[in-house]
Amino acid sequence: LVVRLQQIQKIEDQQKRYQDLEKEAERKIWLYCATEMEICTGLAGIWIALTAGIFIGDEILKGRMEKRLSGKKQEEKVLKNKILLRLYHNYGAMLDLGQKRSRAVAITSVLLTLFLSVVFLLTLGKRGNHTLHLGLSLLLGGAYSNTYDRLKRGYVVDYFSFGVKWRPLRKIVFNLSDFCIMTGAMLTVLAS
């Protein structure tokens, strides 16, 4: 009888240890998942906010430059003539490529932006590789802004150049999105 009671006590102790281990494992799994979600959703929010900030900021700048530089005053020198504010309506892609095919440029822009959006969304939940996330955020912020212009206005508003002596560079007119797209593309390639 004593041996049987000891066996029962031993079984009950083992069951209690298993329950305690099970509870501890559940707690650790929950803690791990909560930490992962906090990190992923927190950083995802930053990448999304950066993308939205570029889009909104550049659209605000484009609107202001349209008002400021349309009409008589087509060019304005700022920062000791290092930056030239000038209004340019680009009906093509970067460096005036495809000027006469603005519809094809717009369709290509939409398709590339959609593709990059899918890539961006697929990488958001993954930890690490902040360079890739930063690159895609910059790239998409600029792409959304320029694509929006193509669809809404029929052209992209470019508004500044560099006041340099080398004429070919001085003639090119940029916007903030152009720099975000170039920088984002370089970072994305470096991260791959």
Protein backbone atom coordinates (compact mmCIF):
# COMPACT_ATOMS: atom_id res chain seq x y z
CA LEU A 1 0.00 0.00 0.00
CA VAL A 2 2.81 2.42 0.87
CA VAL A 3 4.59 1.62 -2.40
CA ARG A 4 1.36 2.20 -4.32
CA LEU A 5 0.81 5.58 -2.58
CA GLN A 6 4.40 6.57 -3.40
CA GLN A 7 3.83 5.66 -7.06
CA ILE A 8 0.63 7.75 -7.16
CA GLN A 9 2.45 10.67 -5.51
CA LYS A 10 5.28 10.34 -8.04
CA ILE A 11 2.80 10.36 -10.96
CA GLU A 12 1.02 13.42 -9.51
CA ASP A 13 4.38 15.23 -9.08
CA GLN A 14 5.32 14.42 -12.68
CA GLN A 15 1.94 15.71 -13.92
CA LYS A 16 2.44 18.93 -11.92
CA ARG A 17 5.96 19.39 -13.40
CA TYR A 18 4.60 18.80 -16.93
CA GLN A 19 1.82 21.36 -16.33
CA ASP A 20 4.37 23.85 -14.99
CA LEU A 21 6.66 23.23 -17.98
CA GLU A 22 3.73 23.58 -20.34
CA LYS A 23 2.69 26.89 -18.77
CA GLU A 24 6.28 28.16 -18.90
CA ALA A 25 6.58 27.14 -22.57
CA GLU A 26 3.29 28.88 -23.41
CA ARG A 27 4.47 32.01 -21.57
CA LYS A 28 7.79 32.02 -23.46
CA ILE A 29 6.08 31.47 -26.80
CA TRP A 30 3.61 34.27 -26.10
CA LEU A 31 6.40 36.59 -24.94
CA TYR A 32 8.48 35.78 -28.04
CA CYS A 33 5.53 36.36 -30.39
CA ALA A 34 4.55 39.59 -28.64
CA THR A 35 8.13 40.87 -28.85
CA GLU A 36 8.41 39.91 -32.51
CA MET A 37 5.11 41.57 -33.37
CA GLU A 38 6.04 44.71 -31.47
CA ILE A 39 9.36 44.96 -33.29
CA CYS A 40 7.92 44.15 -36.71
CA THR A 41 4.85 46.36 -36.45
CA GLY A 42 6.86 49.21 -34.89
CA LEU A 43 9.45 49.24 -37.65
CA ALA A 44 6.84 48.59 -40.33
CA GLY A 45 5.08 51.71 -39.11
CA ILE A 46 8.29 53.70 -39.50
CA TRP A 47 8.85 52.45 -43.07
CA ILE A 48 5.24 53.17 -44.02
CA ALA A 49 5.40 56.63 -42.40
CA LEU A 50 8.61 57.41 -44.31
CA THR A 51 6.98 56.37 -47.60
CA ALA A 52 3.88 58.45 -46.86
CA GLY A 53 6.00 61.40 -45.69
CA ILE A 54 7.95 61.48 -48.95
CA PHE A 55 4.76 61.29 -50.99
CA ILE A 56 2.95 64.00 -49.01
CA GLY A 57 6.02 66.23 -48.67
CA ASP A 58 6.84 66.16 -52.36
CA GLU A 59 3.21 66.77 -53.34
CA ILE A 60 3.15 69.83 -51.07
CA LEU A 61 6.42 71.07 -52.61
CA LYS A 62 5.10 70.49 -56.12
CA GLY A 63 1.92 72.44 -55.37
CA ARG A 64 3.88 75.34 -53.88
CA MET A 65 6.33 75.44 -56.77
CA GLU A 66 3.45 75.42 -59.27
CA LYS A 67 2.02 78.52 -57.56
CA ARG A 68 5.36 80.21 -56.90
CA LEU A 69 6.96 79.74 -60.30
CA SER A 70 4.09 79.80 -62.76
CA GLY A 71 3.59 82.93 -64.77
CA LYS A 72 6.29 85.57 -65.08
CA LYS A 73 8.80 84.23 -62.60
CA GLN A 74 9.98 80.95 -64.13
CA GLU A 75 13.31 80.72 -62.29
CA GLU A 76 14.54 81.73 -58.86
CA LYS A 77 18.06 81.38 -57.45
CA VAL A 78 18.46 80.29 -53.82
CA LEU A 79 21.30 79.24 -51.50
CA LYS A 80 23.80 81.62 -53.11
CA ASN A 81 22.85 80.45 -56.61
CA LYS A 82 23.65 76.81 -55.80
CA ILE A 83 20.01 75.76 -56.28
CA LEU A 84 17.82 77.04 -59.09
CA LEU A 85 14.08 76.82 -58.54
CA ARG A 86 12.47 76.36 -61.92
CA LEU A 87 9.18 74.88 -62.96
CA TYR A 88 9.21 72.09 -65.52
CA HIS A 89 6.39 69.80 -66.59
CA ASN A 90 7.91 66.46 -67.52
CA TYR A 91 5.58 64.44 -69.76
CA GLY A 92 8.04 61.55 -70.01
CA ALA A 93 10.25 59.69 -67.59
CA MET A 94 13.53 60.75 -66.01
CA LEU A 95 15.73 62.89 -68.29
CA ASP A 96 12.77 63.40 -70.66
CA LEU A 97 12.81 59.81 -71.88
CA GLY A 98 9.53 58.90 -73.56
CA GLN A 99 8.21 62.49 -73.84
CA LYS A 100 6.04 61.58 -76.80
CA ARG A 101 4.76 58.40 -75.16
CA SER A 102 3.40 59.79 -71.91
CA ARG A 103 0.61 57.19 -71.76
CA ALA A 104 3.11 54.31 -72.04
CA VAL A 105 5.30 55.98 -69.41
CA ALA A 106 2.29 56.32 -67.08
CA ILE A 107 1.28 52.66 -67.53
CA THR A 108 4.86 51.50 -66.94
CA SER A 109 5.07 53.72 -63.88
CA VAL A 110 1.86 52.24 -62.43
CA LEU A 111 2.97 48.66 -63.09
CA LEU A 112 6.44 49.16 -61.58
CA THR A 113 4.95 50.94 -58.56
CA LEU A 114 2.47 48.11 -58.01
CA PHE A 115 5.22 45.50 -58.29
CA LEU A 116 7.44 47.36 -55.82
CA SER A 117 4.48 47.78 -53.46
CA VAL A 118 4.00 44.00 -53.38
CA VAL A 119 7.72 43.46 -52.73
CA PHE A 120 7.59 46.10 -49.98
CA LEU A 121 4.57 44.50 -48.31
CA LEU A 122 6.14 41.04 -48.48
CA THR A 123 9.30 42.27 -46.76
CA LEU A 124 7.59 44.36 -44.07
CA GLY A 125 6.91 41.48 -41.69
CA LYS A 126 10.48 40.21 -41.88
CA ARG A 127 13.02 41.27 -39.30
CA GLY A 128 16.41 42.62 -40.23
CA ASN A 129 17.67 44.05 -43.50
CA HIS A 130 16.89 47.64 -42.61
CA THR A 131 18.80 48.78 -45.69
CA LEU A 132 16.29 46.99 -47.92
CA HIS A 133 13.34 48.46 -46.03
CA LEU A 134 14.82 51.96 -46.16
CA GLY A 135 15.59 51.61 -49.87
CA LEU A 136 12.09 50.38 -50.70
CA SER A 137 10.50 53.12 -48.55
CA LEU A 138 12.45 55.85 -50.36
CA LEU A 139 11.85 54.26 -53.75
CA LEU A 140 8.11 53.86 -53.18
CA GLY A 141 7.60 57.31 -51.67
CA GLY A 142 9.10 58.85 -54.79
CA ALA A 143 7.36 56.43 -57.14
CA TYR A 144 3.95 57.10 -55.57
CA SER A 145 4.44 60.86 -55.91
CA ASN A 146 5.58 60.82 -59.52
CA THR A 147 3.02 58.19 -60.55
CA TYR A 148 0.27 60.21 -58.86
CA ASP A 149 1.37 63.27 -60.85
CA ARG A 150 1.31 61.31 -64.11
CA LEU A 151 -2.21 60.07 -63.43
CA LYS A 152 -3.63 63.30 -61.98
CA ARG A 153 -1.88 66.01 -64.00
CA GLY A 154 -0.66 64.09 -67.04
CA TYR A 155 2.93 65.14 -66.25
CA VAL A 156 5.40 65.19 -63.37
CA VAL A 157 6.19 68.52 -61.74
CA ASP A 158 9.95 69.06 -61.50
CA TYR A 159 11.11 72.16 -59.69
CA PHE A 160 14.82 72.51 -59.04
CA SER A 161 18.24 72.25 -60.68
CA PHE A 162 21.79 72.73 -59.54
CA GLY A 163 23.47 76.06 -60.17
CA VAL A 164 26.68 74.56 -61.56
CA LYS A 165 28.85 75.65 -64.46
CA TRP A 166 28.56 72.34 -66.30
CA ARG A 167 25.62 73.07 -68.58
CA PRO A 168 24.31 69.49 -69.10
CA LEU A 169 23.78 69.07 -65.34
CA ARG A 170 22.47 72.61 -64.94
CA LYS A 171 19.74 71.91 -67.54
CA ILE A 172 18.30 68.88 -65.70
CA VAL A 173 15.31 69.72 -63.50
CA PHE A 174 14.55 67.41 -60.57
CA ASN A 175 12.05 67.00 -57.77
CA LEU A 176 12.45 65.44 -54.32
CA SER A 177 10.93 62.16 -55.54
CA ASP A 178 13.65 61.78 -58.17
CA PHE A 179 16.33 61.78 -55.47
CA CYS A 180 14.34 59.41 -53.29
CA ILE A 181 13.91 57.02 -56.23
CA MET A 182 17.62 57.10 -57.11
CA THR A 183 18.78 56.72 -53.50
CA GLY A 184 16.18 54.05 -52.79
CA ALA A 185 17.15 52.07 -55.88
CA MET A 186 20.83 52.13 -54.89
CA LEU A 187 20.05 51.02 -51.32
CA THR A 188 17.73 48.25 -52.56
CA VAL A 189 20.42 46.91 -54.89
CA LEU A 190 23.05 47.09 -52.12
CA ALA A 191 20.74 45.22 -49.75
CA SER A 192 20.03 42.41 -52.22
